[in-house]
Amino acid sequence: MTFDVNASSGARAWGIVTGDPSQDDGDDQFLQRMVVDTSAPGWSIALVDVN
């Protein structure tokens, strides 16, 4: 699985993908990408749904 990421020069961020990519049972969690921005104290997290 691959994802496109828009990153600017000098960005300080990393990502985590959460959820269950298989949809073979009824208790699946949807995929979601978390982008953690560490460029400012206190860090921020952006949640991005994955199609």
C-alpha atoms as a PDB file:
ATOM      1  CA  MET A   1       0.000   0.000   0.000  1.00  0.00           C
ATOM      2  CA  THR A   2       1.326   3.455  -0.825  1.00  0.00           C
ATOM      3  CA  PHE A   3       0.219   6.991   0.017  1.00  0.00           C
ATOM      4  CA  ASP A   4       0.940  10.362  -1.525  1.00  0.00           C
ATOM      5  CA  VAL A   5       2.163  12.998   0.905  1.00  0.00           C
ATOM      6  CA  ASN A   6       2.370  16.738   0.337  1.00  0.00           C
ATOM      7  CA  ALA A   7       5.530  17.889   2.124  1.00  0.00           C
ATOM      8  CA  SER A   8       7.244  21.230   1.973  1.00  0.00           C
ATOM      9  CA  SER A   9      10.972  21.829   2.092  1.00  0.00           C
ATOM     10  CA  GLY A  10      12.225  21.799   5.681  1.00  0.00           C
ATOM     11  CA  ALA A  11       9.127  20.066   7.026  1.00  0.00           C
ATOM     12  CA  ARG A  12       9.573  18.092  10.218  1.00  0.00           C
ATOM     13  CA  ALA A  13       6.801  15.511  10.306  1.00  0.00           C
ATOM     14  CA  TRP A  14       6.187  11.787  10.377  1.00  0.00           C
ATOM     15  CA  GLY A  15       3.155   9.607   9.825  1.00  0.00           C
ATOM     16  CA  ILE A  16       1.298   6.685  11.332  1.00  0.00           C
ATOM     17  CA  VAL A  17      -1.362   4.569   9.620  1.00  0.00           C
ATOM     18  CA  THR A  18      -3.992   3.042  11.909  1.00  0.00           C
ATOM     19  CA  GLY A  19      -6.880   0.677  11.320  1.00  0.00           C
ATOM     20  CA  ASP A  20      -7.483  -2.650   9.624  1.00  0.00           C
ATOM     21  CA  PRO A  21      -6.741  -2.828   5.876  1.00  0.00           C
ATOM     22  CA  SER A  22      -8.637  -6.116   5.474  1.00  0.00           C
ATOM     23  CA  GLN A  23     -12.393  -6.018   5.369  1.00  0.00           C
ATOM     24  CA  ASP A  24     -13.055  -9.703   5.933  1.00  0.00           C
ATOM     25  CA  ASP A  25     -14.968  -9.491   9.200  1.00  0.00           C
ATOM     26  CA  GLY A  26     -17.671  -7.224  10.594  1.00  0.00           C
ATOM     27  CA  ASP A  27     -15.507  -5.527  13.240  1.00  0.00           C
ATOM     28  CA  ASP A  28     -13.050  -3.672  10.994  1.00  0.00           C
ATOM     29  CA  GLN A  29     -11.680  -0.234  11.762  1.00  0.00           C
ATOM     30  CA  PHE A  30     -11.293   2.100   8.763  1.00  0.00           C
ATOM     31  CA  LEU A  31      -7.803   3.129   7.726  1.00  0.00           C
ATOM     32  CA  GLN A  32      -6.693   6.550   8.861  1.00  0.00           C
ATOM     33  CA  ARG A  33      -3.403   8.384   8.481  1.00  0.00           C
ATOM     34  CA  MET A  34      -2.049  10.552  11.293  1.00  0.00           C
ATOM     35  CA  VAL A  35       0.543  13.147  10.329  1.00  0.00           C
ATOM     36  CA  VAL A  36       2.551  14.418  13.308  1.00  0.00           C
ATOM     37  CA  ASP A  37       4.101  17.866  12.765  1.00  0.00           C
ATOM     38  CA  THR A  38       7.092  18.387  15.070  1.00  0.00           C
ATOM     39  CA  SER A  39       8.145  21.799  13.731  1.00  0.00           C
ATOM     40  CA  ALA A  40       6.673  23.721  16.698  1.00  0.00           C
ATOM     41  CA  PRO A  41       6.713  22.944  20.420  1.00  0.00           C
ATOM     42  CA  GLY A  42       3.614  21.065  21.455  1.00  0.00           C
ATOM     43  CA  TRP A  43       3.503  19.106  18.166  1.00  0.00           C
ATOM     44  CA  SER A  44       0.262  18.894  16.199  1.00  0.00           C
ATOM     45  CA  ILE A  45      -1.499  15.913  14.641  1.00  0.00           C
ATOM     46  CA  ALA A  46      -3.609  16.014  11.479  1.00  0.00           C
ATOM     47  CA  LEU A  47      -6.020  13.120  10.829  1.00  0.00           C
ATOM     48  CA  VAL A  48      -6.415  12.141   7.173  1.00  0.00           C
ATOM     49  CA  ASP A  49      -8.821   9.432   5.966  1.00  0.00           C
ATOM     50  CA  VAL A  50      -7.379   6.874   3.585  1.00  0.00           C
ATOM     51  CA  ASN A  51      -9.527   5.825   0.626  1.00  0.00           C
END
